[in-house]
Protein backbone atom coordinates (compact mmCIF):
# COMPACT_ATOMS: atom_id res chain seq x y z
CA MET A 1 53.57 52.45 261.28
CA LEU A 2 50.12 50.87 261.41
CA LYS A 3 48.93 49.60 258.04
CA HIS A 4 45.17 49.90 257.61
CA ARG A 5 44.34 46.57 256.01
CA GLY A 6 41.44 46.68 253.58
CA PHE A 7 41.71 50.45 253.05
CA PRO A 8 41.79 51.36 249.33
CA GLY A 9 45.29 52.23 248.10
CA ARG A 10 44.20 54.82 245.55
CA LEU A 11 41.30 56.35 243.68
CA PRO A 12 40.37 53.73 241.07
CA GLY A 13 41.52 54.60 237.56
CA THR A 14 43.99 57.28 238.74
CA ASP A 15 47.40 57.66 240.33
CA LEU A 16 45.94 59.58 243.29
CA GLN A 17 47.05 57.55 246.30
CA PHE A 18 45.24 57.08 249.61
CA THR A 19 47.88 55.03 251.43
CA ILE A 20 51.66 54.68 251.49
CA ARG A 21 53.52 51.38 251.38
CA ARG A 22 56.25 52.02 253.93
CA ALA A 23 57.40 54.58 256.47
CA ASN A 24 59.61 57.34 255.11
CA PRO A 25 63.18 56.66 256.31
CA LYS A 26 64.09 60.36 255.93
CA GLY A 27 61.32 61.51 258.24
CA ILE A 28 57.56 61.51 258.50
CA THR A 29 55.68 63.86 256.18
CA ARG A 30 54.05 66.57 258.27
CA LEU A 31 50.25 66.89 258.16
CA ILE A 32 49.14 70.44 257.39
CA SER A 33 45.74 71.96 256.85
CA ARG A 34 45.62 72.81 253.13
CA GLU A 35 43.33 75.50 251.77
CA ARG A 36 40.80 74.23 249.23
CA PHE A 37 39.90 76.81 246.62
CA ARG A 38 36.72 76.85 244.51
CA ASP A 39 38.67 76.31 241.30
CA ARG A 40 40.13 72.93 242.33
CA ALA A 41 39.94 70.30 239.63
CA ALA A 42 36.88 68.06 239.63
CA LEU A 43 39.19 65.02 239.90
CA ASP A 44 40.77 66.39 243.09
CA ARG A 45 37.35 67.00 244.63
CA ARG A 46 36.26 63.49 243.61
CA ALA A 47 39.41 62.08 245.23
CA ASP A 48 38.67 63.99 248.46
CA ALA A 49 35.10 62.64 248.51
CA ALA A 50 36.25 59.06 247.79
CA PHE A 51 38.95 59.27 250.47
CA LEU A 52 36.44 60.59 253.01
CA ALA A 53 33.98 57.85 252.05
CA ALA A 54 36.72 55.25 252.59
CA LEU A 55 37.54 56.77 255.99
CA TRP A 56 33.85 56.66 256.91
CA GLN A 57 33.42 53.04 255.80
CA HIS A 58 36.62 51.94 257.51
CA PHE A 59 36.42 53.90 260.80
CA GLY A 60 33.00 55.57 261.11
CA GLU A 61 32.90 58.00 264.03
CA ASP A 62 35.67 56.18 265.91
CA PRO A 63 39.12 57.73 266.35
CA PHE A 64 41.76 56.26 264.05
CA GLU A 65 45.52 56.26 263.88
CA ARG A 66 47.18 58.08 260.98
CA GLY A 67 49.28 55.01 260.18
CA ASN A 68 49.85 54.50 256.46
CA LEU A 69 47.22 57.01 255.29
CA ASP A 70 48.68 59.41 252.73
CA ALA A 71 49.71 62.73 254.29
CA GLY A 72 48.89 64.73 251.18
CA ARG A 73 45.35 63.37 250.92
CA LEU A 74 44.76 63.76 254.68
CA SER A 75 46.02 67.34 254.58
CA TRP A 76 43.22 68.38 252.19
CA LEU A 77 40.69 67.38 254.88
CA LEU A 78 42.64 68.19 258.06
CA GLY A 79 41.18 70.83 260.33
CA ARG A 80 37.76 70.63 258.70
CA GLU A 81 36.33 67.18 257.95
CA VAL A 82 39.14 65.34 259.76
CA VAL A 83 40.28 66.66 263.13
CA ALA A 84 42.83 65.74 265.77
CA VAL A 85 41.54 63.77 268.75
CA GLU A 86 44.18 64.82 271.26
CA PRO A 87 45.10 68.40 272.22
CA ASP A 88 48.82 67.58 271.93
CA PHE A 89 48.46 66.44 268.30
CA ASP A 90 51.79 65.69 266.62
CA PRO A 91 51.49 66.27 262.85
CA GLU A 92 54.69 64.29 262.29
CA SER A 93 53.61 61.07 264.01
CA TYR A 94 52.24 57.92 262.41
CA GLU A 95 50.52 57.26 265.76
CA ALA A 96 48.57 60.58 265.75
CA LEU A 97 44.87 60.00 266.46
CA LEU A 98 42.30 61.58 264.15
CA ARG A 99 38.55 61.37 263.71
CA ILE A 100 35.92 62.49 261.23
CA ASP A 101 33.92 65.59 262.17
CA VAL A 102 30.71 64.07 260.83
CA ALA A 103 28.65 67.27 260.66
CA LYS A 104 31.31 69.15 258.67
CA ALA A 105 32.07 66.13 256.50
CA ARG A 106 28.39 65.60 255.58
CA ALA A 107 28.02 69.30 254.75
CA ALA A 108 31.15 69.43 252.56
CA PHE A 109 30.92 65.98 250.92
CA PRO A 110 27.34 64.64 251.11
CA GLU A 111 28.18 62.17 248.32
CA ALA A 112 30.62 60.41 250.65
CA PHE A 113 27.71 59.40 252.87
CA ASP A 114 25.21 58.36 250.16
CA GLY A 115 23.12 55.42 251.22
CA ASP A 116 24.17 55.87 254.84
CA GLU A 117 21.07 57.62 256.17
């Protein structure tokens, strides 16, 4: 499992994690596209925006490996702001390649790109 050095481990001041410390010995947590409803808590939306901002700062438009990025946090963005690079995407692989769909990400979370114009 690739560890993304320098990537924030969590949303500051919370227990909402962005990365995991080690591979799961019982099996890799499957990435799924989670539905985001309008009534989600403001903290959850802030965590999504901060996670996307960290992805943007760390990887930009380049493809990146899932590695030690938290499956739960990725799943809130998967299929919309974060998409699979390869057609044979394996949602249970730490080596799965993903990328930011910049147009969708800017539309959904403009605050994640502040100062980046």
